[in-house]
Amino acid sequence: MTFKFRPLILIYTVVIGTPLLFTMTYLIAASLGHVPWCFPPIQGCIEITRTGLKPPESYLFRFGLMPIATFMGLLFYFFMEWLEALNGGYSRRARLSWYFAFASSICLLASTALIQGTRDTEWDWHVVFATLFFLFMLIAQVLYTLEDLKLRDIKVQAALRIRVVTNVLQFLLLIVGAIQWAVTGTIPNPAYEWLITFSYVAWFASFIFERDNLFTLDDKRKVPRK
């Protein structure tokens, strides 16, 4: 038989599921008095992680974030196959993109697993793994964007602009965060975490503009019958 799968399903899951998860977690935490009421991405009253520290919102936070982290990495496997199909064979840049995305997902899973309440969370390691997630995912996204530009004529310019702008924004935010940490020993305002997180989601959202042109290839490999 022929295996057919549309990675666009995973893209919708990441793009819609991520903000929905964070919104629901925050609303539950705020309604129970665990965090203050505000508009976190703008007012910066609370970090994303701290909205999911206490039960019952902590259960939802970890339950939802772990599959989303997995899907983010898995998408790059399909991106790699897409690029290598366009290239007519092995693509070093596409492979590296997949490897960095895989490592990024592992880091996000580790960072999430370390969240165990206000007192028991290993904050130092949580920050290390979260930072590695952002760094590795940025590298994966940049590598994909460069190889995609090399191999095909991207007809939907909105998609390309979103990828380039978000990659530049992510790079600048990481630099600003690193400088502040080095100079003051503190992390940026909580609004920073919301902004950089949603910039990564926006990169994935760019593929929705290309849904009619992208991922039209089916996996023609035959699965042996038992």
Protein backbone atom coordinates (compact mmCIF):
# COMPACT_ATOMS: atom_id res chain seq x y z
CA MET A 1 0.00 0.00 0.00
CA THR A 2 1.03 3.65 -0.33
CA PHE A 3 1.50 5.74 2.79
CA LYS A 4 0.06 9.24 2.56
CA PHE A 5 0.42 11.92 5.20
CA ARG A 6 0.06 15.68 5.09
CA PRO A 7 2.52 17.45 7.41
CA LEU A 8 0.17 20.43 7.19
CA ILE A 9 -1.85 18.68 9.92
CA LEU A 10 1.11 18.98 12.29
CA ILE A 11 1.65 22.60 11.27
CA TYR A 12 -1.93 23.48 12.23
CA THR A 13 -1.48 21.61 15.51
CA VAL A 14 1.64 23.64 16.39
CA VAL A 15 0.30 26.99 15.17
CA ILE A 16 -3.13 26.71 16.80
CA GLY A 17 -2.29 24.41 19.69
CA THR A 18 0.59 26.45 21.14
CA PRO A 19 -1.22 29.78 21.75
CA LEU A 20 -4.38 27.89 22.74
CA LEU A 21 -2.47 25.87 25.33
CA PHE A 22 -0.74 28.91 26.82
CA THR A 23 -3.98 30.90 26.89
CA MET A 24 -5.95 28.15 28.62
CA THR A 25 -3.16 27.51 31.12
CA TYR A 26 -2.91 31.21 31.96
CA LEU A 27 -6.67 31.66 32.31
CA ILE A 28 -6.94 28.69 34.67
CA ALA A 29 -3.99 29.92 36.76
CA ALA A 30 -5.30 33.49 36.92
CA SER A 31 -8.86 32.43 37.75
CA LEU A 32 -7.52 30.40 40.71
CA GLY A 33 -5.37 33.27 41.92
CA HIS A 34 -2.09 31.53 41.14
CA VAL A 35 -0.91 34.35 38.86
CA PRO A 36 -2.01 38.00 38.46
CA TRP A 37 -4.52 39.09 35.85
CA CYS A 38 -3.00 40.98 32.92
CA PHE A 39 -2.18 40.59 29.22
CA PRO A 40 1.16 38.79 29.60
CA PRO A 41 2.57 39.25 26.05
CA ILE A 42 2.22 43.04 26.43
CA GLN A 43 2.24 43.80 30.16
CA GLY A 44 4.69 41.06 31.06
CA CYS A 45 3.25 40.25 34.47
CA ILE A 46 4.24 36.56 34.38
CA GLU A 47 6.50 34.20 32.44
CA ILE A 48 5.02 31.38 30.38
CA THR A 49 6.60 28.75 32.61
CA ARG A 50 5.15 30.20 35.81
CA THR A 51 1.61 29.97 34.44
CA GLY A 52 1.97 26.19 34.59
CA LEU A 53 3.62 25.64 37.95
CA LYS A 54 0.65 24.79 40.16
CA PRO A 55 -2.09 22.18 39.70
CA PRO A 56 -4.48 21.86 38.00
CA GLU A 57 -3.03 24.10 35.25
CA SER A 58 0.35 22.37 35.55
CA TYR A 59 -1.20 19.10 34.36
CA LEU A 60 -2.59 20.76 31.24
CA PHE A 61 0.64 22.65 30.61
CA ARG A 62 2.90 19.58 30.56
CA PHE A 63 0.31 17.36 28.88
CA GLY A 64 -0.06 19.82 26.01
CA LEU A 65 3.49 21.10 25.63
CA MET A 66 5.20 17.71 25.34
CA PRO A 67 3.38 16.59 22.16
CA ILE A 68 3.73 20.07 20.66
CA ALA A 69 7.49 19.94 21.28
CA THR A 70 7.58 16.55 19.56
CA PHE A 71 5.59 17.79 16.57
CA MET A 72 7.93 20.77 16.11
CA GLY A 73 10.87 18.44 15.68
CA LEU A 74 8.97 15.88 13.63
CA LEU A 75 7.94 18.53 11.12
CA PHE A 76 11.54 19.03 10.17
CA TYR A 77 11.84 15.40 9.18
CA PHE A 78 9.13 16.02 6.58
CA PHE A 79 10.81 19.32 5.65
CA MET A 80 14.04 17.37 5.07
CA GLU A 81 12.28 14.86 2.81
CA TRP A 82 10.59 17.69 0.93
CA LEU A 83 13.88 19.50 0.33
CA GLU A 84 15.73 16.35 -0.69
CA ALA A 85 12.94 15.51 -3.13
CA LEU A 86 13.36 18.96 -4.66
CA ASN A 87 17.14 18.50 -4.69
CA GLY A 88 16.91 15.11 -6.32
CA GLY A 89 18.89 13.50 -3.52
CA TYR A 90 20.95 14.12 -0.41
CA SER A 91 20.98 17.70 0.95
CA ARG A 92 23.48 18.44 3.71
CA ARG A 93 21.72 21.62 4.75
CA ALA A 94 18.35 19.86 4.95
CA ARG A 95 19.85 17.07 7.06
CA LEU A 96 21.47 19.56 9.44
CA SER A 97 18.17 21.40 9.75
CA TRP A 98 16.47 18.15 10.82
CA TYR A 99 19.25 17.29 13.30
CA PHE A 100 19.13 20.70 14.97
CA ALA A 101 15.31 20.59 15.12
CA PHE A 102 15.44 17.13 16.69
CA ALA A 103 17.94 18.34 19.31
CA SER A 104 15.76 21.40 19.90
CA SER A 105 12.71 19.27 20.61
CA ILE A 106 14.67 17.11 23.05
CA CYS A 107 15.77 20.26 24.89
CA LEU A 108 12.18 21.55 25.10
CA LEU A 109 10.99 18.18 26.41
CA ALA A 110 13.75 18.21 29.04
CA SER A 111 12.95 21.80 29.99
CA THR A 112 9.26 20.91 30.39
CA ALA A 113 10.01 17.76 32.39
CA LEU A 114 11.96 19.84 34.93
CA ILE A 115 8.89 21.93 35.80
CA GLN A 116 7.79 20.56 39.19
CA GLY A 117 6.24 23.47 41.09
CA THR A 118 7.76 26.68 42.45
CA ARG A 119 10.12 25.06 44.95
CA ASP A 120 11.00 21.81 43.20
CA THR A 121 11.65 23.08 39.67
CA GLU A 122 15.31 22.91 38.68
CA TRP A 123 15.33 26.49 37.46
CA ASP A 124 18.95 26.67 36.31
CA TRP A 125 18.69 23.55 34.15
CA HIS A 126 15.22 24.57 32.98
CA VAL A 127 16.64 27.86 31.67
CA VAL A 128 19.62 26.10 30.06
CA PHE A 129 17.44 23.63 28.16
CA ALA A 130 14.91 26.32 27.21
CA THR A 131 17.71 28.52 25.85
CA LEU A 132 19.14 25.61 23.86
CA PHE A 133 15.67 24.97 22.44
CA PHE A 134 15.44 28.52 21.12
CA LEU A 135 18.99 28.47 19.77
CA PHE A 136 18.79 25.08 18.03
CA MET A 137 15.32 25.80 16.61
CA LEU A 138 16.55 29.12 15.19
CA ILE A 139 19.43 27.33 13.46
CA ALA A 140 17.06 24.68 12.09
CA GLN A 141 14.64 27.29 10.76
CA VAL A 142 17.39 29.38 9.15
CA LEU A 143 18.93 26.33 7.47
CA TYR A 144 15.56 25.29 6.09
CA THR A 145 14.80 28.80 4.83
CA LEU A 146 18.16 29.06 3.05
CA GLU A 147 17.86 25.65 1.40
CA ASP A 148 14.25 26.29 0.39
CA LEU A 149 15.29 29.55 -1.27
CA LYS A 150 18.05 27.75 -3.11
CA LEU A 151 15.90 24.91 -4.45
CA ARG A 152 12.64 26.52 -5.50
CA ASP A 153 10.91 29.70 -6.52
CA ILE A 154 8.70 30.54 -3.54
CA LYS A 155 5.59 31.95 -5.16
CA VAL A 156 3.87 33.10 -1.96
CA GLN A 157 6.00 36.06 -0.89
CA ALA A 158 4.08 36.50 2.39
CA ALA A 159 5.37 33.11 3.53
CA LEU A 160 8.95 34.02 2.71
CA ARG A 161 8.71 37.42 4.40
CA ILE A 162 7.34 35.88 7.58
CA ARG A 163 10.18 33.35 7.73
CA VAL A 164 12.90 35.92 7.16
CA VAL A 165 11.43 38.54 9.52
CA THR A 166 10.83 36.05 12.33
CA ASN A 167 14.34 34.61 11.97
CA VAL A 168 15.87 38.08 12.20
CA LEU A 169 13.64 38.93 15.17
CA GLN A 170 14.56 35.70 16.94
CA PHE A 171 18.26 36.32 16.43
CA LEU A 172 18.03 39.87 17.80
CA LEU A 173 15.97 38.75 20.80
CA LEU A 174 18.46 36.01 21.65
CA ILE A 175 21.33 38.49 21.42
CA VAL A 176 19.51 41.01 23.64
CA GLY A 177 18.69 38.30 26.17
CA ALA A 178 22.30 37.05 26.22
CA ILE A 179 23.69 40.57 26.71
CA GLN A 180 21.27 41.33 29.56
CA TRP A 181 22.11 38.03 31.24
CA ALA A 182 25.86 38.66 30.89
CA VAL A 183 25.71 42.26 32.15
CA THR A 184 23.06 42.09 34.88
CA GLY A 185 22.72 38.38 35.65
CA THR A 186 18.95 38.63 35.15
CA ILE A 187 16.58 37.51 32.42
CA PRO A 188 14.56 40.04 30.37
CA ASN A 189 11.01 41.12 31.18
CA PRO A 190 8.50 38.22 30.98
CA ALA A 191 6.97 39.81 27.86
CA TYR A 192 10.25 38.90 26.14
CA GLU A 193 9.59 35.17 26.62
CA TRP A 194 6.08 35.45 25.18
CA LEU A 195 7.32 37.46 22.19
CA ILE A 196 10.19 35.15 21.27
CA THR A 197 8.02 32.04 21.71
CA PHE A 198 5.29 33.33 19.43
CA SER A 199 7.89 34.40 16.86
CA TYR A 200 8.85 30.74 16.51
CA VAL A 201 5.19 29.77 16.13
CA ALA A 202 4.81 32.49 13.47
CA TRP A 203 7.59 30.86 11.44
CA PHE A 204 5.60 27.62 11.30
CA ALA A 205 2.44 29.60 10.50
CA SER A 206 4.05 30.85 7.30
CA PHE A 207 3.49 27.43 5.72
CA ILE A 208 -0.27 27.85 5.98
CA PHE A 209 0.00 30.51 3.24
CA GLU A 210 1.50 27.82 1.01
CA ARG A 211 -0.92 25.03 1.84
CA ASP A 212 -1.99 24.68 -1.81
CA ASN A 213 1.59 24.40 -3.10
CA LEU A 214 3.50 22.65 -0.36
CA PHE A 215 3.68 19.00 0.63
CA THR A 216 2.05 17.68 -2.53
CA LEU A 217 4.43 14.71 -2.63
CA ASP A 218 3.20 11.37 -1.33
CA ASP A 219 5.40 8.67 0.13
CA LYS A 220 5.42 6.04 -2.61
CA ARG A 221 7.48 3.51 -0.70
CA LYS A 222 5.71 0.20 -0.57
CA VAL A 223 4.92 -1.32 2.79
CA PRO A 224 5.30 -5.10 2.61
CA ARG A 225 2.18 -7.08 3.30
CA LYS A 226 2.29 -9.59 6.13
